Amino acid sequence: MLRVEGLRSGYGRIEAVKGVDLEVASGEIVALIGANGAGKTTLLRTISGVHPISAGRILYEGEAIEALPPHARVARGIAQVPEGRQVFAPLTVEDNLRLGAFRRGRAETEATLGEVFALFPVLAEKRSLLAGGLSGGQQQMLAVGRAMMARPRLLLLDEPSMGLAPLLVDQILDAVVRLRRGGMTVLLVEQNASAALAIADRAYVLETGRIAHSGSGQALMHDPRVREAYLGL
């Protein structure tokens, strides 16, 4: 579904992503792990189009999309859940969700809203409350739900466990697995390496902007180099 070839991106003279190659097949959960500053978020933002590419190619379903603006990538079926959740605090939960469906018709929006509420029942309970009043975990659920409203085929998920208690991390990642079972493809950036590898079909390890290791989630979970560097084992 997604193929990245020789992707480079950065900030001025500082290159954060240095010639990355990766693939995501339809129906997979692919994890991207690495230390802070490794370039994970920059890579995800470049794929979604909100950060400029300096070199390389991004192929989505066989089509080069690196020249497309972000909204055109959303129209083709790519949605990103940003790092730090970034919900619209002054708006209600339901209004946040409906904003995610700005390209969809009324009937499709209502149907998808029902799917989001089925996945995250707490959002249904709080649909009329302001998003800024939700807990961190609930805001993360809202951010995922807002991306779902665009009905993506490829979900780019950036650090969903950040700042959450372990129980909430389990709930969020369980929701990711359920989305994959429903046919969604997921590229997951996550600093909680053990949690990410536990649900990933395949994974890549990013070090200082380059892919250092790759393999199945289970293979990397048992790789001594990964265990020592990222799992604390």
Protein backbone atom coordinates (compact mmCIF):
# COMPACT_ATOMS: atom_id res chain seq x y z
CA MET A 1 0.00 0.00 0.00
CA LEU A 2 2.79 2.43 0.93
CA ARG A 3 6.36 2.46 -0.31
CA VAL A 4 8.89 5.10 0.74
CA GLU A 5 12.09 5.27 -1.29
CA GLY A 6 15.17 7.28 -0.33
CA LEU A 7 13.11 9.79 1.62
CA ARG A 8 14.96 12.79 2.99
CA SER A 9 13.49 15.61 5.01
CA GLY A 10 14.65 18.10 7.59
CA TYR A 11 14.62 21.58 9.06
CA GLY A 12 16.81 24.05 7.24
CA ARG A 13 20.33 22.65 7.16
CA ILE A 14 19.48 19.95 9.69
CA GLU A 15 18.50 16.70 7.98
CA ALA A 16 16.21 14.66 10.24
CA VAL A 17 15.36 11.82 7.80
CA LYS A 18 18.32 10.56 5.79
CA GLY A 19 17.35 8.33 2.90
CA VAL A 20 14.71 6.09 4.47
CA ASP A 21 13.22 3.12 2.61
CA LEU A 22 10.18 1.33 4.05
CA GLU A 23 7.07 -0.55 2.97
CA VAL A 24 3.63 -1.06 4.45
CA ALA A 25 1.43 -3.77 2.95
CA SER A 26 -2.35 -3.55 2.95
CA GLY A 27 -3.84 -4.83 6.21
CA GLU A 28 -0.62 -4.60 8.23
CA ILE A 29 0.30 -2.84 11.43
CA VAL A 30 3.85 -1.61 10.88
CA ALA A 31 5.64 -0.02 13.83
CA LEU A 32 8.40 2.56 13.64
CA ILE A 33 10.39 2.72 16.86
CA GLY A 34 13.44 4.66 17.97
CA ALA A 35 14.77 7.15 20.48
CA ASN A 36 13.69 10.77 20.80
CA GLY A 37 15.11 12.79 17.92
CA ALA A 38 15.50 9.77 15.63
CA GLY A 39 13.26 11.36 12.98
CA LYS A 40 10.11 9.28 13.51
CA THR A 41 7.63 12.14 13.68
CA THR A 42 9.31 13.99 10.80
CA LEU A 43 9.01 10.86 8.67
CA LEU A 44 5.31 10.51 9.45
CA ARG A 45 4.63 14.20 8.82
CA THR A 46 6.43 13.99 5.50
CA ILE A 47 4.33 11.02 4.41
CA SER A 48 1.12 12.89 5.29
CA GLY A 49 2.37 16.01 3.52
CA VAL A 50 2.45 18.46 6.42
CA HIS A 51 6.26 18.59 6.29
CA PRO A 52 8.17 19.09 3.03
CA ILE A 53 10.19 16.37 1.38
CA SER A 54 13.70 17.24 0.19
CA ALA A 55 14.42 14.05 -1.78
CA GLY A 56 12.99 10.61 -2.48
CA ARG A 57 9.60 9.19 -3.41
CA ILE A 58 6.38 8.36 -1.58
CA LEU A 59 4.25 5.80 -3.43
CA TYR A 60 0.72 5.13 -2.21
CA GLU A 61 -1.13 2.32 -3.92
CA GLY A 62 1.40 2.60 -6.74
CA GLU A 63 0.94 6.34 -7.26
CA ALA A 64 3.62 8.94 -6.47
CA ILE A 65 2.09 11.38 -3.98
CA GLU A 66 5.07 13.41 -2.75
CA ALA A 67 3.91 16.46 -4.75
CA LEU A 68 0.33 16.32 -3.44
CA PRO A 69 -0.84 18.71 -0.69
CA PRO A 70 -2.06 17.17 2.59
CA HIS A 71 -5.77 17.49 1.80
CA ALA A 72 -5.28 15.58 -1.46
CA ARG A 73 -3.58 12.76 0.44
CA VAL A 74 -6.53 12.65 2.85
CA ALA A 75 -8.85 12.39 -0.16
CA ARG A 76 -6.86 9.37 -1.35
CA GLY A 77 -7.29 7.59 1.97
CA ILE A 78 -4.44 8.69 4.26
CA ALA A 79 -5.14 10.21 7.69
CA GLN A 80 -2.74 11.13 10.48
CA VAL A 81 -3.28 11.20 14.23
CA PRO A 82 -0.71 13.80 15.31
CA GLU A 83 1.69 13.62 18.20
CA GLY A 84 0.25 15.31 21.28
CA ARG A 85 -3.36 14.66 20.16
CA GLN A 86 -4.04 18.28 19.09
CA VAL A 87 -7.79 18.20 19.59
CA PHE A 88 -9.78 21.42 19.22
CA ALA A 89 -10.25 22.19 22.92
CA PRO A 90 -13.00 24.85 22.64
CA LEU A 91 -15.21 22.58 20.51
CA THR A 92 -17.36 19.68 21.67
CA VAL A 93 -16.33 16.08 21.25
CA GLU A 94 -18.91 15.62 18.52
CA ASP A 95 -17.83 18.75 16.65
CA ASN A 96 -14.21 17.56 16.74
CA LEU A 97 -15.31 14.29 15.18
CA ARG A 98 -17.45 15.92 12.53
CA LEU A 99 -14.53 18.10 11.46
CA GLY A 100 -12.70 14.91 10.55
CA ALA A 101 -15.48 14.10 8.07
CA PHE A 102 -15.42 17.41 6.22
CA ARG A 103 -15.07 15.62 2.88
CA ARG A 104 -17.87 13.14 3.55
CA GLY A 105 -21.62 13.25 2.94
CA ARG A 106 -24.17 13.32 5.73
CA ALA A 107 -25.14 9.65 5.59
CA GLU A 108 -21.53 8.48 5.56
CA THR A 109 -20.66 10.88 8.39
CA GLU A 110 -23.47 9.56 10.59
CA ALA A 111 -22.49 5.95 9.90
CA THR A 112 -18.84 6.59 10.73
CA LEU A 113 -19.81 8.50 13.86
CA GLY A 114 -21.59 5.37 15.02
CA GLU A 115 -18.46 3.30 14.35
CA VAL A 116 -16.33 5.69 16.40
CA PHE A 117 -18.78 5.60 19.31
CA ALA A 118 -18.84 1.81 19.15
CA LEU A 119 -15.03 1.69 19.34
CA PHE A 120 -14.81 4.36 22.05
CA PRO A 121 -18.09 4.37 24.06
CA VAL A 122 -16.78 7.06 26.41
CA LEU A 123 -16.83 9.52 23.50
CA ALA A 124 -20.54 8.84 23.00
CA GLU A 125 -21.13 9.57 26.69
CA LYS A 126 -19.21 12.86 26.43
CA ARG A 127 -20.22 13.89 22.90
CA SER A 128 -21.66 17.24 24.04
CA LEU A 129 -18.77 18.16 26.35
CA LEU A 130 -15.82 20.37 25.37
CA ALA A 131 -12.82 18.41 24.16
CA GLY A 132 -10.52 20.44 26.40
CA GLY A 133 -12.21 18.95 29.45
CA LEU A 134 -11.39 15.35 28.56
CA SER A 135 -8.62 13.36 30.19
CA GLY A 136 -5.44 12.67 28.24
CA GLY A 137 -6.57 9.18 27.35
CA GLN A 138 -9.98 10.37 26.22
CA GLN A 139 -8.37 13.07 24.08
CA GLN A 140 -6.23 10.39 22.44
CA MET A 141 -9.35 8.37 21.70
CA LEU A 142 -10.90 11.52 20.24
CA ALA A 143 -7.85 12.14 18.04
CA VAL A 144 -8.05 8.58 16.69
CA GLY A 145 -11.79 8.90 16.21
CA ARG A 146 -11.39 12.19 14.34
CA ALA A 147 -8.98 10.51 11.91
CA MET A 148 -11.44 7.59 11.52
CA MET A 149 -14.11 10.05 10.40
CA ALA A 150 -12.14 10.61 7.18
CA ARG A 151 -12.57 6.86 6.50
CA PRO A 152 -8.88 6.31 5.75
CA ARG A 153 -7.42 3.12 4.36
CA LEU A 154 -4.02 4.05 5.81
CA LEU A 155 -3.82 5.46 9.34
CA LEU A 156 -0.62 7.22 10.43
CA LEU A 157 -0.54 7.12 14.22
CA ASP A 158 2.07 9.23 16.03
CA GLU A 159 2.98 8.37 19.66
CA PRO A 160 -0.50 7.37 20.86
CA SER A 161 0.78 6.23 24.27
CA MET A 162 2.53 9.50 25.12
CA GLY A 163 1.73 10.59 28.67
CA LEU A 164 -0.84 7.86 29.29
CA ALA A 165 -1.12 5.37 32.15
CA PRO A 166 -0.40 1.73 31.20
CA LEU A 167 -4.09 0.73 31.32
CA LEU A 168 -5.00 3.49 28.87
CA VAL A 169 -2.08 2.54 26.62
CA ASP A 170 -3.50 -0.98 26.45
CA GLN A 171 -6.94 0.39 25.56
CA ILE A 172 -5.61 2.60 22.77
CA LEU A 173 -3.44 -0.13 21.25
CA ASP A 174 -6.29 -2.64 21.53
CA ALA A 175 -8.37 -0.19 19.50
CA VAL A 176 -5.60 -0.09 16.88
CA VAL A 177 -5.70 -3.89 16.62
CA ARG A 178 -9.48 -3.79 16.24
CA LEU A 179 -9.17 -1.22 13.44
CA ARG A 180 -6.74 -3.49 11.61
CA ARG A 181 -9.18 -6.37 11.99
CA GLY A 182 -11.75 -4.14 10.32
CA GLY A 183 -9.47 -3.71 7.31
CA MET A 184 -7.48 -0.58 8.16
CA THR A 185 -3.72 -0.42 7.53
CA VAL A 186 -1.66 1.27 10.25
CA LEU A 187 1.80 2.85 10.35
CA LEU A 188 2.48 3.35 14.05
CA VAL A 189 5.21 5.59 15.45
CA GLU A 190 5.75 4.70 19.09
CA GLN A 191 8.44 5.27 21.70
CA ASN A 192 6.97 2.50 23.87
CA ALA A 193 8.83 -0.12 21.86
CA SER A 194 7.62 -3.20 23.71
CA ALA A 195 3.95 -2.21 23.34
CA ALA A 196 4.40 -1.38 19.65
CA LEU A 197 6.28 -4.57 18.79
CA ALA A 198 3.69 -6.66 20.61
CA ILE A 199 0.96 -5.68 18.12
CA ALA A 200 3.03 -5.06 14.98
CA ASP A 201 3.21 -7.42 12.04
CA ARG A 202 6.50 -5.82 11.05
CA ALA A 203 8.66 -3.02 12.42
CA TYR A 204 11.50 -0.69 11.59
CA VAL A 205 14.03 0.81 14.00
CA LEU A 206 15.02 4.37 13.15
CA GLU A 207 18.35 5.70 14.45
CA THR A 208 19.46 9.29 13.71
CA GLY A 209 17.33 9.44 10.60
CA ARG A 210 18.24 6.06 9.13
CA ILE A 211 16.72 2.58 9.28
CA ALA A 212 18.99 0.52 11.54
CA HIS A 213 16.98 -2.71 11.85
CA SER A 214 13.81 -4.19 10.40
CA GLY A 215 11.85 -7.42 10.66
CA SER A 216 8.72 -8.90 12.13
CA GLY A 217 7.50 -7.48 15.42
CA GLN A 218 8.32 -10.72 17.22
CA ALA A 219 11.77 -11.00 15.62
CA LEU A 220 12.73 -7.51 16.75
CA MET A 221 11.23 -8.16 20.19
CA HIS A 222 13.80 -10.95 20.59
CA ASP A 223 16.72 -9.23 18.81
CA PRO A 224 19.44 -8.67 21.47
CA ARG A 225 20.41 -5.30 19.97
CA VAL A 226 16.84 -4.02 20.07
CA ARG A 227 16.17 -5.50 23.50
CA GLU A 228 19.19 -3.75 24.98
CA ALA A 229 18.73 -0.40 23.23
CA TYR A 230 14.95 0.03 23.31
CA LEU A 231 13.37 -2.52 25.62
CA GLY A 232 15.68 -2.11 28.62
CA LEU A 233 16.37 -5.85 28.72
